[in-house]
N, C-alpha and C. Protein backbone atom coordinates (compact mmCIF):
# COMPACT_ATOMS: atom_id res chain seq x y z
N MET A 1 -21.20 21.45 -11.45
CA MET A 1 -21.42 21.56 -10.02
C MET A 1 -20.25 22.27 -9.37
N GLY A 2 -20.45 22.83 -8.18
CA GLY A 2 -19.37 23.51 -7.48
C GLY A 2 -18.36 22.53 -6.92
N LYS A 3 -17.19 23.06 -6.59
CA LYS A 3 -16.15 22.20 -6.02
C LYS A 3 -16.54 21.79 -4.61
N PRO A 4 -16.26 20.55 -4.20
CA PRO A 4 -16.53 20.15 -2.82
C PRO A 4 -15.63 20.93 -1.87
N TRP A 5 -16.06 21.06 -0.63
CA TRP A 5 -15.31 21.83 0.35
C TRP A 5 -14.85 20.92 1.48
N ALA A 6 -13.67 21.20 1.99
CA ALA A 6 -13.16 20.51 3.17
C ALA A 6 -12.25 21.48 3.91
N ALA A 7 -12.20 21.33 5.23
CA ALA A 7 -11.35 22.20 6.05
C ALA A 7 -9.88 21.86 5.82
N PRO A 8 -9.00 22.85 5.88
CA PRO A 8 -7.57 22.59 5.71
C PRO A 8 -7.11 21.49 6.66
N GLY A 9 -6.27 20.60 6.14
CA GLY A 9 -5.73 19.51 6.94
C GLY A 9 -6.59 18.26 6.96
N GLN A 10 -7.80 18.35 6.42
CA GLN A 10 -8.65 17.16 6.43
C GLN A 10 -8.11 16.10 5.47
N VAL A 11 -8.50 14.85 5.77
CA VAL A 11 -8.09 13.70 4.97
C VAL A 11 -9.28 13.26 4.12
N ILE A 12 -9.06 13.24 2.82
CA ILE A 12 -10.12 12.93 1.87
C ILE A 12 -9.79 11.63 1.13
N GLY A 13 -10.69 10.68 1.21
CA GLY A 13 -10.57 9.48 0.40
C GLY A 13 -11.17 9.74 -0.96
N LEU A 14 -10.52 9.27 -2.00
CA LEU A 14 -10.97 9.49 -3.38
C LEU A 14 -11.35 8.15 -3.99
N LEU A 15 -12.61 8.02 -4.37
CA LEU A 15 -13.07 6.82 -5.05
C LEU A 15 -13.48 7.20 -6.46
N GLY A 16 -12.64 6.86 -7.42
CA GLY A 16 -12.90 7.24 -8.80
C GLY A 16 -13.50 6.09 -9.59
N GLY A 17 -14.19 6.44 -10.66
CA GLY A 17 -14.73 5.40 -11.52
C GLY A 17 -15.86 5.93 -12.37
N SER A 18 -16.34 5.05 -13.25
CA SER A 18 -17.44 5.47 -14.11
C SER A 18 -18.79 5.35 -13.39
N PHE A 19 -18.86 4.51 -12.34
CA PHE A 19 -20.11 4.33 -11.59
C PHE A 19 -21.27 4.11 -12.57
N ASP A 20 -21.10 3.10 -13.40
CA ASP A 20 -22.06 2.86 -14.49
C ASP A 20 -22.64 1.45 -14.42
N PRO A 21 -23.61 1.22 -13.52
CA PRO A 21 -24.19 2.18 -12.57
C PRO A 21 -23.52 2.05 -11.20
N PRO A 22 -23.74 3.04 -10.32
CA PRO A 22 -23.31 2.88 -8.94
C PRO A 22 -24.13 1.78 -8.27
N HIS A 23 -23.53 1.08 -7.31
CA HIS A 23 -24.25 -0.03 -6.67
C HIS A 23 -23.84 -0.16 -5.21
N GLU A 24 -24.48 -1.10 -4.52
CA GLU A 24 -24.26 -1.27 -3.08
C GLU A 24 -22.81 -1.65 -2.75
N GLY A 25 -22.12 -2.27 -3.70
CA GLY A 25 -20.70 -2.57 -3.48
C GLY A 25 -19.88 -1.30 -3.31
N HIS A 26 -20.17 -0.28 -4.14
CA HIS A 26 -19.48 1.02 -3.99
C HIS A 26 -19.79 1.62 -2.62
N ALA A 27 -21.05 1.56 -2.22
CA ALA A 27 -21.45 2.12 -0.93
C ALA A 27 -20.78 1.37 0.22
N HIS A 28 -20.74 0.06 0.12
CA HIS A 28 -20.14 -0.78 1.17
C HIS A 28 -18.64 -0.46 1.31
N LEU A 29 -17.94 -0.39 0.19
CA LEU A 29 -16.51 -0.06 0.20
C LEU A 29 -16.31 1.32 0.84
N THR A 30 -17.17 2.27 0.49
CA THR A 30 -17.06 3.64 1.01
C THR A 30 -17.22 3.67 2.53
N LEU A 31 -18.22 2.98 3.03
CA LEU A 31 -18.46 2.98 4.48
C LEU A 31 -17.34 2.26 5.24
N GLU A 32 -16.82 1.18 4.66
CA GLU A 32 -15.68 0.49 5.29
C GLU A 32 -14.46 1.40 5.33
N ALA A 33 -14.20 2.12 4.24
CA ALA A 33 -13.05 3.03 4.18
C ALA A 33 -13.20 4.15 5.21
N LEU A 34 -14.39 4.72 5.35
CA LEU A 34 -14.62 5.76 6.36
C LEU A 34 -14.31 5.23 7.75
N LYS A 35 -14.72 4.01 8.00
CA LYS A 35 -14.58 3.42 9.33
C LYS A 35 -13.12 3.07 9.66
N ARG A 36 -12.38 2.60 8.65
CA ARG A 36 -11.09 1.98 8.94
C ARG A 36 -9.86 2.81 8.59
N LEU A 37 -10.06 3.93 7.87
CA LEU A 37 -8.89 4.68 7.39
C LEU A 37 -8.74 6.06 8.02
N GLY A 38 -9.59 6.41 8.97
CA GLY A 38 -9.47 7.72 9.61
C GLY A 38 -9.71 8.87 8.66
N LEU A 39 -10.64 8.69 7.72
CA LEU A 39 -10.92 9.73 6.72
C LEU A 39 -11.96 10.71 7.25
N ASP A 40 -11.81 11.98 6.87
CA ASP A 40 -12.82 12.98 7.21
C ASP A 40 -13.98 12.96 6.21
N GLN A 41 -13.66 12.74 4.94
CA GLN A 41 -14.67 12.67 3.90
C GLN A 41 -14.21 11.67 2.84
N ILE A 42 -15.16 11.24 2.01
CA ILE A 42 -14.83 10.52 0.78
C ILE A 42 -15.52 11.25 -0.36
N TRP A 43 -14.76 11.50 -1.42
CA TRP A 43 -15.29 12.10 -2.62
C TRP A 43 -15.39 11.03 -3.69
N TRP A 44 -16.62 10.75 -4.13
CA TRP A 44 -16.79 9.91 -5.31
C TRP A 44 -16.51 10.79 -6.52
N MET A 45 -15.57 10.38 -7.34
CA MET A 45 -15.23 11.14 -8.54
C MET A 45 -15.80 10.39 -9.75
N VAL A 46 -16.99 10.81 -10.14
CA VAL A 46 -17.68 10.15 -11.26
C VAL A 46 -17.04 10.66 -12.55
N SER A 47 -16.40 9.75 -13.27
CA SER A 47 -15.59 10.18 -14.42
C SER A 47 -16.45 10.39 -15.67
N PRO A 48 -16.02 11.32 -16.54
CA PRO A 48 -16.71 11.50 -17.82
C PRO A 48 -16.67 10.21 -18.65
N GLY A 49 -15.58 9.46 -18.53
CA GLY A 49 -15.42 8.20 -19.26
C GLY A 49 -14.11 7.57 -18.86
N ASN A 50 -14.05 6.26 -18.89
CA ASN A 50 -12.84 5.54 -18.49
C ASN A 50 -11.99 5.30 -19.74
N PRO A 51 -10.75 5.85 -19.77
CA PRO A 51 -9.93 5.73 -20.99
C PRO A 51 -9.52 4.30 -21.32
N ILE A 52 -9.61 3.35 -20.36
CA ILE A 52 -9.20 1.98 -20.69
C ILE A 52 -10.40 1.05 -20.92
N LYS A 53 -11.63 1.62 -20.90
CA LYS A 53 -12.81 0.80 -21.20
C LYS A 53 -13.29 1.12 -22.61
N PRO A 54 -13.63 0.08 -23.40
CA PRO A 54 -13.94 0.30 -24.82
C PRO A 54 -15.27 1.00 -25.08
N ASN A 55 -16.27 0.76 -24.23
CA ASN A 55 -17.60 1.31 -24.50
C ASN A 55 -17.87 2.54 -23.64
N PRO A 56 -18.46 3.59 -24.20
CA PRO A 56 -18.73 4.79 -23.41
C PRO A 56 -19.80 4.51 -22.36
N PRO A 57 -19.70 5.18 -21.20
CA PRO A 57 -20.69 4.96 -20.14
C PRO A 57 -21.98 5.73 -20.43
N ALA A 58 -22.98 5.53 -19.57
CA ALA A 58 -24.20 6.31 -19.62
C ALA A 58 -23.85 7.79 -19.43
N PRO A 59 -24.73 8.72 -19.81
CA PRO A 59 -24.43 10.15 -19.65
C PRO A 59 -24.04 10.49 -18.21
N LEU A 60 -23.09 11.42 -18.08
CA LEU A 60 -22.55 11.80 -16.78
C LEU A 60 -23.65 12.26 -15.81
N ALA A 61 -24.57 13.09 -16.28
CA ALA A 61 -25.63 13.60 -15.40
C ALA A 61 -26.48 12.46 -14.84
N GLN A 62 -26.72 11.45 -15.65
CA GLN A 62 -27.51 10.28 -15.22
C GLN A 62 -26.77 9.50 -14.14
N ARG A 63 -25.46 9.31 -14.33
CA ARG A 63 -24.66 8.57 -13.35
C ARG A 63 -24.49 9.36 -12.05
N MET A 64 -24.35 10.68 -12.16
CA MET A 64 -24.27 11.54 -10.96
C MET A 64 -25.56 11.44 -10.15
N ALA A 65 -26.70 11.52 -10.83
CA ALA A 65 -27.99 11.45 -10.14
C ALA A 65 -28.17 10.10 -9.45
N ALA A 66 -27.77 9.03 -10.14
CA ALA A 66 -27.88 7.69 -9.55
C ALA A 66 -26.96 7.54 -8.35
N ALA A 67 -25.76 8.11 -8.44
CA ALA A 67 -24.82 8.05 -7.31
C ALA A 67 -25.36 8.81 -6.10
N ARG A 68 -25.93 9.98 -6.34
CA ARG A 68 -26.50 10.77 -5.24
C ARG A 68 -27.69 10.04 -4.59
N ALA A 69 -28.49 9.38 -5.40
CA ALA A 69 -29.64 8.65 -4.87
C ALA A 69 -29.20 7.47 -4.01
N LEU A 70 -28.11 6.82 -4.41
CA LEU A 70 -27.63 5.64 -3.69
C LEU A 70 -26.85 6.01 -2.43
N MET A 71 -25.93 6.97 -2.55
CA MET A 71 -24.98 7.24 -1.46
C MET A 71 -25.33 8.54 -0.77
N GLN A 72 -26.17 8.45 0.23
CA GLN A 72 -26.58 9.63 0.99
C GLN A 72 -25.96 9.54 2.38
N HIS A 73 -24.83 10.20 2.52
CA HIS A 73 -24.08 10.18 3.79
C HIS A 73 -23.45 11.55 3.94
N PRO A 74 -23.49 12.13 5.13
CA PRO A 74 -22.98 13.50 5.30
C PRO A 74 -21.50 13.66 5.01
N ARG A 75 -20.73 12.59 5.06
CA ARG A 75 -19.29 12.69 4.84
C ARG A 75 -18.87 12.18 3.45
N VAL A 76 -19.85 11.94 2.59
CA VAL A 76 -19.55 11.48 1.23
C VAL A 76 -20.09 12.50 0.24
N LYS A 77 -19.21 12.98 -0.64
CA LYS A 77 -19.58 13.97 -1.66
C LYS A 77 -19.52 13.30 -3.03
N ILE A 78 -20.56 13.51 -3.82
CA ILE A 78 -20.58 12.99 -5.20
C ILE A 78 -20.12 14.14 -6.11
N THR A 79 -19.03 13.92 -6.83
CA THR A 79 -18.44 15.02 -7.60
C THR A 79 -18.23 14.64 -9.07
N ASP A 80 -18.15 15.68 -9.90
CA ASP A 80 -17.74 15.51 -11.29
C ASP A 80 -16.44 16.29 -11.52
N LEU A 81 -15.53 16.16 -10.57
CA LEU A 81 -14.28 16.93 -10.61
C LEU A 81 -13.48 16.69 -11.88
N GLU A 82 -13.45 15.45 -12.36
CA GLU A 82 -12.66 15.17 -13.57
C GLU A 82 -13.20 15.94 -14.77
N ALA A 83 -14.52 16.03 -14.87
CA ALA A 83 -15.10 16.81 -15.96
C ALA A 83 -14.70 18.28 -15.82
N GLY A 84 -14.70 18.78 -14.58
CA GLY A 84 -14.30 20.17 -14.33
C GLY A 84 -12.83 20.42 -14.65
N PHE A 85 -11.99 19.47 -14.28
CA PHE A 85 -10.55 19.61 -14.55
C PHE A 85 -10.22 19.34 -16.02
N GLY A 86 -11.08 18.62 -16.71
CA GLY A 86 -10.78 18.21 -18.08
C GLY A 86 -9.75 17.10 -18.13
N THR A 87 -9.70 16.26 -17.09
CA THR A 87 -8.74 15.16 -17.04
C THR A 87 -9.46 13.83 -17.23
N ARG A 88 -8.71 12.85 -17.71
CA ARG A 88 -9.24 11.49 -17.84
C ARG A 88 -8.34 10.51 -17.09
N ALA A 89 -7.02 10.70 -17.21
CA ALA A 89 -6.08 9.79 -16.55
C ALA A 89 -5.99 10.13 -15.07
N THR A 90 -5.96 9.10 -14.22
CA THR A 90 -5.91 9.31 -12.76
C THR A 90 -4.70 10.14 -12.35
N ALA A 91 -3.55 9.91 -12.98
CA ALA A 91 -2.35 10.67 -12.63
C ALA A 91 -2.58 12.17 -12.84
N ASP A 92 -3.25 12.53 -13.94
CA ASP A 92 -3.53 13.94 -14.22
C ASP A 92 -4.57 14.50 -13.24
N THR A 93 -5.56 13.68 -12.90
CA THR A 93 -6.59 14.12 -11.96
C THR A 93 -5.98 14.40 -10.59
N LEU A 94 -5.11 13.51 -10.12
CA LEU A 94 -4.47 13.71 -8.82
C LEU A 94 -3.61 14.96 -8.81
N LYS A 95 -2.88 15.19 -9.89
CA LYS A 95 -2.06 16.40 -10.00
C LYS A 95 -2.95 17.64 -9.90
N ALA A 96 -4.07 17.63 -10.62
CA ALA A 96 -5.00 18.77 -10.60
C ALA A 96 -5.62 18.96 -9.21
N LEU A 97 -5.97 17.86 -8.56
CA LEU A 97 -6.54 17.93 -7.20
C LEU A 97 -5.55 18.53 -6.21
N GLN A 98 -4.32 18.07 -6.28
CA GLN A 98 -3.31 18.58 -5.34
C GLN A 98 -3.01 20.05 -5.57
N LYS A 99 -3.13 20.50 -6.81
CA LYS A 99 -2.96 21.92 -7.10
C LYS A 99 -4.17 22.72 -6.60
N ALA A 100 -5.39 22.19 -6.81
CA ALA A 100 -6.61 22.89 -6.42
C ALA A 100 -6.82 22.90 -4.91
N TYR A 101 -6.34 21.85 -4.22
CA TYR A 101 -6.57 21.70 -2.78
C TYR A 101 -5.24 21.42 -2.07
N PRO A 102 -4.34 22.39 -2.06
CA PRO A 102 -2.99 22.12 -1.51
C PRO A 102 -2.98 21.85 0.00
N LEU A 103 -4.04 22.20 0.72
CA LEU A 103 -4.05 22.03 2.18
C LEU A 103 -4.77 20.76 2.63
N LEU A 104 -5.18 19.92 1.68
CA LEU A 104 -5.85 18.66 2.03
C LEU A 104 -4.90 17.49 1.82
N ARG A 105 -5.19 16.40 2.55
CA ARG A 105 -4.47 15.14 2.34
C ARG A 105 -5.41 14.18 1.61
N PHE A 106 -4.90 13.50 0.60
CA PHE A 106 -5.73 12.59 -0.18
C PHE A 106 -5.23 11.16 -0.03
N VAL A 107 -6.19 10.23 -0.06
CA VAL A 107 -5.90 8.79 -0.11
C VAL A 107 -6.71 8.23 -1.27
N TRP A 108 -6.05 7.53 -2.18
CA TRP A 108 -6.74 6.91 -3.31
C TRP A 108 -7.32 5.58 -2.84
N LEU A 109 -8.60 5.37 -3.10
CA LEU A 109 -9.29 4.14 -2.71
C LEU A 109 -9.58 3.31 -3.95
N MET A 110 -9.37 2.00 -3.83
CA MET A 110 -9.75 1.14 -4.95
C MET A 110 -9.98 -0.28 -4.46
N GLY A 111 -10.77 -1.01 -5.23
CA GLY A 111 -10.99 -2.41 -4.94
C GLY A 111 -9.79 -3.25 -5.36
N ALA A 112 -9.70 -4.45 -4.78
CA ALA A 112 -8.57 -5.34 -5.09
C ALA A 112 -8.52 -5.70 -6.56
N ASP A 113 -9.68 -5.72 -7.24
CA ASP A 113 -9.68 -6.02 -8.68
C ASP A 113 -8.89 -4.95 -9.45
N ASN A 114 -8.94 -3.70 -8.96
CA ASN A 114 -8.17 -2.64 -9.61
C ASN A 114 -6.67 -2.80 -9.36
N LEU A 115 -6.29 -3.23 -8.15
CA LEU A 115 -4.86 -3.44 -7.89
C LEU A 115 -4.31 -4.52 -8.81
N ALA A 116 -5.11 -5.55 -9.07
CA ALA A 116 -4.65 -6.65 -9.93
C ALA A 116 -4.28 -6.16 -11.33
N SER A 117 -4.98 -5.13 -11.81
CA SER A 117 -4.70 -4.62 -13.17
C SER A 117 -4.10 -3.22 -13.17
N PHE A 118 -3.67 -2.75 -12.02
CA PHE A 118 -3.22 -1.36 -11.88
C PHE A 118 -2.03 -1.04 -12.79
N HIS A 119 -1.19 -2.05 -13.04
CA HIS A 119 -0.01 -1.83 -13.88
C HIS A 119 -0.38 -1.51 -15.33
N THR A 120 -1.67 -1.64 -15.70
CA THR A 120 -2.10 -1.26 -17.05
C THR A 120 -2.59 0.19 -17.10
N TRP A 121 -2.69 0.83 -15.94
CA TRP A 121 -3.14 2.23 -15.89
C TRP A 121 -2.02 3.15 -16.39
N ASP A 122 -2.41 4.26 -16.99
CA ASP A 122 -1.45 5.24 -17.48
C ASP A 122 -0.64 5.81 -16.32
N ARG A 123 0.69 5.72 -16.41
CA ARG A 123 1.62 6.27 -15.41
C ARG A 123 1.31 5.80 -13.99
N TRP A 124 1.06 4.50 -13.85
CA TRP A 124 0.69 3.97 -12.53
C TRP A 124 1.75 4.20 -11.45
N PRO A 125 3.07 4.15 -11.74
CA PRO A 125 4.02 4.45 -10.66
C PRO A 125 3.89 5.89 -10.15
N GLU A 126 3.50 6.81 -11.05
CA GLU A 126 3.31 8.20 -10.64
C GLU A 126 2.14 8.32 -9.66
N ILE A 127 1.08 7.54 -9.90
CA ILE A 127 -0.06 7.56 -8.98
C ILE A 127 0.40 7.12 -7.59
N MET A 128 1.14 6.03 -7.53
CA MET A 128 1.63 5.52 -6.24
C MET A 128 2.56 6.52 -5.56
N ALA A 129 3.27 7.30 -6.35
CA ALA A 129 4.20 8.29 -5.79
C ALA A 129 3.49 9.57 -5.35
N ARG A 130 2.26 9.78 -5.80
CA ARG A 130 1.53 11.02 -5.48
C ARG A 130 0.76 10.95 -4.17
N VAL A 131 0.08 9.84 -3.93
CA VAL A 131 -0.81 9.74 -2.76
C VAL A 131 -0.74 8.34 -2.17
N PRO A 132 -0.99 8.20 -0.86
CA PRO A 132 -1.16 6.86 -0.30
C PRO A 132 -2.38 6.19 -0.94
N VAL A 133 -2.34 4.86 -0.99
CA VAL A 133 -3.39 4.09 -1.66
C VAL A 133 -3.94 3.04 -0.69
N ALA A 134 -5.25 2.96 -0.59
CA ALA A 134 -5.90 1.91 0.20
C ALA A 134 -6.62 0.97 -0.75
N VAL A 135 -6.32 -0.31 -0.63
CA VAL A 135 -6.92 -1.33 -1.48
C VAL A 135 -7.88 -2.14 -0.62
N LEU A 136 -9.14 -2.21 -1.04
CA LEU A 136 -10.15 -2.92 -0.27
C LEU A 136 -10.54 -4.21 -0.97
N ALA A 137 -10.68 -5.26 -0.18
CA ALA A 137 -10.91 -6.60 -0.71
C ALA A 137 -12.13 -6.65 -1.63
N ARG A 138 -12.03 -7.47 -2.65
CA ARG A 138 -13.15 -7.76 -3.56
C ARG A 138 -13.22 -9.27 -3.72
N PRO A 139 -14.40 -9.82 -3.93
CA PRO A 139 -14.53 -11.29 -4.00
C PRO A 139 -13.59 -11.91 -5.03
N GLY A 140 -12.84 -12.92 -4.59
CA GLY A 140 -12.00 -13.69 -5.50
C GLY A 140 -10.78 -12.97 -6.03
N GLN A 141 -10.40 -11.82 -5.46
CA GLN A 141 -9.31 -11.03 -6.03
C GLN A 141 -8.05 -10.96 -5.16
N ARG A 142 -8.09 -11.47 -3.93
CA ARG A 142 -6.97 -11.29 -3.01
C ARG A 142 -5.63 -11.77 -3.60
N LEU A 143 -5.60 -13.01 -4.07
CA LEU A 143 -4.34 -13.56 -4.58
C LEU A 143 -3.86 -12.79 -5.80
N ARG A 144 -4.76 -12.53 -6.76
CA ARG A 144 -4.38 -11.77 -7.96
C ARG A 144 -3.86 -10.38 -7.58
N ALA A 145 -4.51 -9.74 -6.62
CA ALA A 145 -4.11 -8.38 -6.22
C ALA A 145 -2.73 -8.40 -5.56
N LEU A 146 -2.54 -9.31 -4.61
CA LEU A 146 -1.31 -9.29 -3.82
C LEU A 146 -0.11 -9.90 -4.54
N THR A 147 -0.34 -10.54 -5.68
CA THR A 147 0.79 -11.03 -6.50
C THR A 147 0.92 -10.21 -7.78
N SER A 148 0.17 -9.13 -7.88
CA SER A 148 0.19 -8.30 -9.09
C SER A 148 1.52 -7.56 -9.24
N PRO A 149 1.84 -7.11 -10.46
CA PRO A 149 3.07 -6.33 -10.65
C PRO A 149 3.15 -5.11 -9.73
N THR A 150 2.04 -4.43 -9.49
CA THR A 150 2.08 -3.24 -8.62
C THR A 150 2.41 -3.64 -7.19
N ALA A 151 1.74 -4.68 -6.66
CA ALA A 151 2.00 -5.13 -5.29
C ALA A 151 3.45 -5.57 -5.14
N GLN A 152 3.99 -6.25 -6.16
CA GLN A 152 5.37 -6.70 -6.09
C GLN A 152 6.35 -5.53 -6.17
N THR A 153 6.09 -4.60 -7.08
CA THR A 153 6.98 -3.45 -7.25
C THR A 153 7.03 -2.60 -5.98
N PHE A 154 5.89 -2.44 -5.32
CA PHE A 154 5.81 -1.56 -4.14
C PHE A 154 5.68 -2.34 -2.83
N ARG A 155 6.16 -3.61 -2.81
CA ARG A 155 5.94 -4.44 -1.63
C ARG A 155 6.59 -3.86 -0.36
N LYS A 156 7.73 -3.20 -0.49
CA LYS A 156 8.38 -2.69 0.73
C LYS A 156 7.69 -1.45 1.29
N TRP A 157 6.73 -0.90 0.54
CA TRP A 157 5.99 0.27 1.03
C TRP A 157 4.59 -0.10 1.52
N ARG A 158 4.32 -1.41 1.62
CA ARG A 158 3.01 -1.84 2.12
C ARG A 158 2.93 -1.59 3.63
N VAL A 159 1.85 -0.96 4.04
CA VAL A 159 1.63 -0.59 5.44
C VAL A 159 0.84 -1.71 6.12
N PRO A 160 1.22 -2.11 7.34
CA PRO A 160 0.45 -3.14 8.04
C PRO A 160 -0.99 -2.68 8.29
N THR A 161 -1.91 -3.62 8.26
CA THR A 161 -3.33 -3.30 8.44
C THR A 161 -3.57 -2.54 9.74
N ARG A 162 -2.83 -2.88 10.78
CA ARG A 162 -3.04 -2.21 12.08
C ARG A 162 -2.75 -0.71 12.01
N ASP A 163 -1.99 -0.27 10.99
CA ASP A 163 -1.65 1.14 10.85
C ASP A 163 -2.51 1.86 9.80
N ALA A 164 -3.59 1.21 9.38
CA ALA A 164 -4.42 1.77 8.30
C ALA A 164 -4.94 3.17 8.62
N LYS A 165 -5.28 3.43 9.88
CA LYS A 165 -5.82 4.75 10.25
C LYS A 165 -4.79 5.87 10.07
N HIS A 166 -3.51 5.50 9.97
CA HIS A 166 -2.44 6.50 9.83
C HIS A 166 -1.92 6.59 8.39
N LEU A 167 -2.54 5.85 7.48
CA LEU A 167 -2.04 5.79 6.09
C LEU A 167 -1.88 7.17 5.47
N ALA A 168 -2.87 8.03 5.67
CA ALA A 168 -2.86 9.35 5.03
C ALA A 168 -1.67 10.21 5.47
N HIS A 169 -1.11 9.90 6.63
CA HIS A 169 -0.01 10.71 7.17
C HIS A 169 1.36 10.13 6.85
N LYS A 170 1.37 9.08 6.05
CA LYS A 170 2.64 8.51 5.59
C LYS A 170 2.94 9.09 4.21
N GLY A 171 4.18 9.44 3.99
CA GLY A 171 4.55 9.98 2.68
C GLY A 171 4.48 8.88 1.63
N PRO A 172 3.91 9.19 0.46
CA PRO A 172 3.86 8.16 -0.58
C PRO A 172 5.26 7.89 -1.13
N PRO A 173 5.48 6.68 -1.66
CA PRO A 173 4.49 5.62 -1.79
C PRO A 173 4.20 4.92 -0.45
N ALA A 174 2.94 4.63 -0.23
CA ALA A 174 2.47 3.87 0.93
C ALA A 174 1.12 3.29 0.55
N TRP A 175 0.91 2.02 0.87
CA TRP A 175 -0.37 1.41 0.54
C TRP A 175 -0.71 0.34 1.57
N VAL A 176 -2.00 0.11 1.69
CA VAL A 176 -2.49 -0.90 2.62
C VAL A 176 -3.53 -1.75 1.93
N TYR A 177 -3.57 -3.02 2.30
CA TYR A 177 -4.60 -3.93 1.80
C TYR A 177 -5.52 -4.24 2.96
N LEU A 178 -6.82 -4.02 2.79
CA LEU A 178 -7.78 -4.24 3.85
C LEU A 178 -8.75 -5.35 3.49
N ASP A 179 -8.73 -6.42 4.27
CA ASP A 179 -9.78 -7.41 4.16
C ASP A 179 -11.04 -6.83 4.79
N MET A 180 -12.20 -7.23 4.30
CA MET A 180 -13.46 -6.73 4.84
C MET A 180 -14.57 -7.68 4.42
N PRO A 181 -15.72 -7.58 5.11
CA PRO A 181 -16.86 -8.37 4.64
C PRO A 181 -17.17 -7.95 3.20
N MET A 182 -17.42 -8.91 2.33
CA MET A 182 -17.52 -8.59 0.90
C MET A 182 -18.92 -8.71 0.34
N ARG A 183 -19.16 -7.89 -0.67
CA ARG A 183 -20.38 -7.96 -1.47
C ARG A 183 -19.98 -8.32 -2.89
N HIS A 184 -20.88 -8.97 -3.60
CA HIS A 184 -20.56 -9.43 -4.96
C HIS A 184 -21.10 -8.50 -6.03
N ASP A 185 -21.57 -7.29 -5.64
CA ASP A 185 -22.11 -6.36 -6.63
C ASP A 185 -21.03 -5.96 -7.63
N SER A 186 -21.45 -5.75 -8.86
CA SER A 186 -20.51 -5.35 -9.92
C SER A 186 -21.26 -4.53 -10.95
N SER A 187 -20.67 -3.39 -11.34
CA SER A 187 -21.29 -2.55 -12.38
C SER A 187 -21.41 -3.32 -13.69
N THR A 188 -20.39 -4.12 -14.01
CA THR A 188 -20.41 -4.89 -15.26
C THR A 188 -21.59 -5.84 -15.28
N ALA A 189 -21.80 -6.56 -14.17
CA ALA A 189 -22.92 -7.51 -14.09
C ALA A 189 -24.26 -6.78 -14.15
N LEU A 190 -24.35 -5.62 -13.48
CA LEU A 190 -25.60 -4.86 -13.51
C LEU A 190 -25.91 -4.35 -14.91
N ARG A 191 -24.87 -3.91 -15.64
CA ARG A 191 -25.09 -3.46 -17.03
C ARG A 191 -25.55 -4.62 -17.90
N ALA A 192 -24.96 -5.80 -17.69
CA ALA A 192 -25.34 -6.97 -18.48
C ALA A 192 -26.79 -7.36 -18.20
N ARG A 193 -27.19 -7.29 -16.92
CA ARG A 193 -28.58 -7.60 -16.57
C ARG A 193 -29.54 -6.62 -17.22
N ARG A 194 -29.13 -5.34 -17.21
CA ARG A 194 -29.96 -4.29 -17.80
C ARG A 194 -30.13 -4.53 -19.31
N ALA A 195 -29.04 -4.95 -19.96
CA ALA A 195 -29.07 -5.18 -21.41
C ALA A 195 -29.94 -6.38 -21.77
N ASP A 196 -30.05 -7.36 -20.86
CA ASP A 196 -30.83 -8.57 -21.11
C ASP A 196 -32.33 -8.34 -21.02
N ARG A 197 -32.73 -7.22 -20.41
CA ARG A 197 -34.16 -6.98 -20.22
C ARG A 197 -34.86 -6.66 -21.53
């Protein structure tokens, strides 16, 4: 697919993952991020495969089609940028994005469950140093997320919730934790249900 387009200076939220399958929780997080972070667009980056997950996901084309069917919003783009860049690790993807789109501002979006395990990601301090990060609440994850090694290491760079709309304009490292109405959807649970049929 072609590269997504954005006007110079726009703020783009990046939601990466295998989206295997995409679900209403992804959509809910996306809409909350658009509303609360002052983003111009959100790009879903459907990955070819997650390097820290043991089982390969469904085919990329299938997951892209499912994501497009679920998330139909004029400010949300469904992309396969990682496949185009040939990257798997988030640090490498962000480096490639910043090279490809030097006039855009990026904010990395993730659920609180990801913050809880973020210190297991490849070169996680580099990710925090590259772009501001917005962490959105997930059921049962607040305490684990906010006491995680990443939250502790970068605690002095945490941005107050009231300043969330300005996060993209703060030099990294900068991160915010956003409480929000929660959904219990999970790709893992949906895959398990599918396998039980």
